[in-house]
C-alpha atoms as a PDB file:
ATOM      1  CA  MET A   1    -111.773 -67.746 -62.502  1.00  0.00           C
ATOM      2  CA  THR A   2    -109.640 -64.700 -63.357  1.00  0.00           C
ATOM      3  CA  ASP A   3    -109.551 -61.475 -61.360  1.00  0.00           C
ATOM      4  CA  TYR A   4    -111.627 -59.812 -64.082  1.00  0.00           C
ATOM      5  CA  GLU A   5    -114.350 -62.459 -63.827  1.00  0.00           C
ATOM      6  CA  ILE A   6    -114.433 -62.037 -60.060  1.00  0.00           C
ATOM      7  CA  ILE A   7    -114.974 -58.281 -60.479  1.00  0.00           C
ATOM      8  CA  ILE A   8    -117.706 -58.887 -63.058  1.00  0.00           C
ATOM      9  CA  HIS A   9    -119.557 -61.356 -60.819  1.00  0.00           C
ATOM     10  CA  LYS A  10    -119.066 -59.525 -57.523  1.00  0.00           C
ATOM     11  CA  TYR A  11    -119.908 -55.926 -58.510  1.00  0.00           C
ATOM     12  CA  PRO A  12    -122.941 -54.357 -60.228  1.00  0.00           C
ATOM     13  CA  ALA A  13    -122.844 -52.958 -63.785  1.00  0.00           C
ATOM     14  CA  TYR A  14    -122.142 -49.469 -62.392  1.00  0.00           C
ATOM     15  CA  VAL A  15    -119.900 -48.823 -59.395  1.00  0.00           C
ATOM     16  CA  ASN A  16    -119.342 -45.720 -57.306  1.00  0.00           C
ATOM     17  CA  LEU A  17    -116.000 -44.183 -56.425  1.00  0.00           C
ATOM     18  CA  GLU A  18    -115.703 -46.079 -53.144  1.00  0.00           C
ATOM     19  CA  GLN A  19    -116.228 -49.439 -54.846  1.00  0.00           C
ATOM     20  CA  MET A  20    -113.737 -48.487 -57.574  1.00  0.00           C
ATOM     21  CA  ARG A  21    -111.218 -47.455 -54.927  1.00  0.00           C
ATOM     22  CA  THR A  22    -111.643 -50.784 -53.153  1.00  0.00           C
ATOM     23  CA  ILE A  23    -111.190 -52.787 -56.358  1.00  0.00           C
ATOM     24  CA  LEU A  24    -108.036 -50.902 -57.351  1.00  0.00           C
ATOM     25  CA  HIS A  25    -106.596 -50.601 -53.809  1.00  0.00           C
ATOM     26  CA  ILE A  26    -105.982 -46.865 -54.167  1.00  0.00           C
ATOM     27  CA  CYS A  27    -106.848 -43.748 -52.164  1.00  0.00           C
ATOM     28  CA  ARG A  28    -109.939 -41.593 -52.788  1.00  0.00           C
ATOM     29  CA  ARG A  29    -107.903 -38.712 -54.207  1.00  0.00           C
ATOM     30  CA  LYS A  30    -106.268 -40.891 -56.847  1.00  0.00           C
ATOM     31  CA  ALA A  31    -109.572 -42.582 -57.705  1.00  0.00           C
ATOM     32  CA  ALA A  32    -111.266 -39.207 -58.237  1.00  0.00           C
ATOM     33  CA  TRP A  33    -108.257 -37.936 -60.213  1.00  0.00           C
ATOM     34  CA  LEU A  34    -108.383 -40.955 -62.558  1.00  0.00           C
ATOM     35  CA  VAL A  35    -112.033 -40.247 -63.385  1.00  0.00           C
ATOM     36  CA  GLN A  36    -111.704 -36.449 -63.545  1.00  0.00           C
ATOM     37  CA  ASN A  37    -108.768 -36.685 -65.962  1.00  0.00           C
ATOM     38  CA  GLY A  38    -110.370 -39.286 -68.222  1.00  0.00           C
ATOM     39  CA  PHE A  39    -108.121 -42.251 -67.448  1.00  0.00           C
ATOM     40  CA  ILE A  40    -111.247 -44.143 -66.397  1.00  0.00           C
ATOM     41  CA  LYS A  41    -114.492 -43.255 -68.136  1.00  0.00           C
ATOM     42  CA  GLY A  42    -117.218 -42.238 -65.751  1.00  0.00           C
ATOM     43  CA  SER A  43    -119.960 -39.716 -65.259  1.00  0.00           C
ATOM     44  CA  ILE A  44    -119.598 -36.917 -62.741  1.00  0.00           C
ATOM     45  CA  SER A  45    -122.709 -35.287 -61.301  1.00  0.00           C
ATOM     46  CA  ASN A  46    -123.002 -32.010 -59.403  1.00  0.00           C
ATOM     47  CA  LYS A  47    -124.209 -33.755 -56.237  1.00  0.00           C
ATOM     48  CA  GLN A  48    -122.187 -33.564 -53.023  1.00  0.00           C
ATOM     49  CA  THR A  49    -122.348 -37.314 -52.396  1.00  0.00           C
ATOM     50  CA  HIS A  50    -122.422 -40.198 -54.862  1.00  0.00           C
ATOM     51  CA  GLN A  51    -120.849 -37.874 -57.390  1.00  0.00           C
ATOM     52  CA  TYR A  52    -119.162 -40.511 -59.587  1.00  0.00           C
ATOM     53  CA  CYS A  53    -120.686 -43.364 -61.585  1.00  0.00           C
ATOM     54  CA  ILE A  54    -118.285 -45.745 -63.353  1.00  0.00           C
ATOM     55  CA  LYS A  55    -119.198 -48.614 -65.656  1.00  0.00           C
ATOM     56  CA  ARG A  56    -117.735 -51.869 -64.388  1.00  0.00           C
ATOM     57  CA  ASP A  57    -116.587 -52.758 -67.934  1.00  0.00           C
ATOM     58  CA  ASP A  58    -114.655 -49.476 -68.201  1.00  0.00           C
ATOM     59  CA  LEU A  59    -112.961 -50.276 -64.912  1.00  0.00           C
ATOM     60  CA  VAL A  60    -111.952 -53.739 -66.146  1.00  0.00           C
ATOM     61  CA  TYR A  61    -110.639 -52.136 -69.357  1.00  0.00           C
ATOM     62  CA  TYR A  62    -108.525 -49.728 -67.278  1.00  0.00           C
ATOM     63  CA  ILE A  63    -107.082 -52.601 -65.232  1.00  0.00           C
ATOM     64  CA  LYS A  64    -106.152 -54.569 -68.352  1.00  0.00           C
ATOM     65  CA  ASP A  65    -104.731 -51.516 -70.127  1.00  0.00           C
ATOM     66  CA  SER A  66    -102.697 -50.423 -67.099  1.00  0.00           C
ATOM     67  CA  GLU A  67    -101.138 -53.897 -66.960  1.00  0.00           C
ATOM     68  CA  LEU A  68    -100.242 -53.786 -70.670  1.00  0.00           C
ATOM     69  CA  HIS A  69     -99.164 -50.111 -70.785  1.00  0.00           C
ATOM     70  CA  PRO A  70     -98.204 -48.951 -67.283  1.00  0.00           C
ATOM     71  CA  GLU A  71     -96.279 -45.975 -68.678  1.00  0.00           C
ATOM     72  CA  LYS A  72     -99.599 -44.301 -69.629  1.00  0.00           C
ATOM     73  CA  TYR A  73    -100.668 -44.122 -65.983  1.00  0.00           C
ATOM     74  CA  ILE A  74     -97.482 -43.059 -64.186  1.00  0.00           C
ATOM     75  CA  THR A  75     -97.969 -40.219 -61.702  1.00  0.00           C
ATOM     76  CA  LEU A  76     -95.412 -38.146 -59.858  1.00  0.00           C
ATOM     77  CA  HIS A  77     -93.872 -39.824 -56.839  1.00  0.00           C
ATOM     78  CA  ALA A  78     -95.987 -39.211 -53.717  1.00  0.00           C
ATOM     79  CA  GLU A  79     -98.530 -37.140 -55.646  1.00  0.00           C
ATOM     80  CA  PHE A  80    -101.409 -38.777 -53.776  1.00  0.00           C
ATOM     81  CA  SER A  81     -99.850 -39.141 -50.345  1.00  0.00           C
ATOM     82  CA  ALA A  82    -101.265 -37.235 -47.389  1.00  0.00           C
ATOM     83  CA  LYS A  83    -100.336 -33.576 -47.229  1.00  0.00           C
END
């Protein structure tokens, strides 16, 4: 079973930002930035909590695309480190 199949079987059709962050092993700031800037498709609501809703298939697409074309997703060094 590939990593993509594990994600598809383990997670629901729509994931929140925390689940996305866990899958990608990234911080909350970078996860929110990826959605806000359109690198990962997702809906953003005006609610304080549970603000992001990401389709699992879009997340898998991002993972595959970032492996094939990492230059598209390069950020400045230490851009998402603690301030």
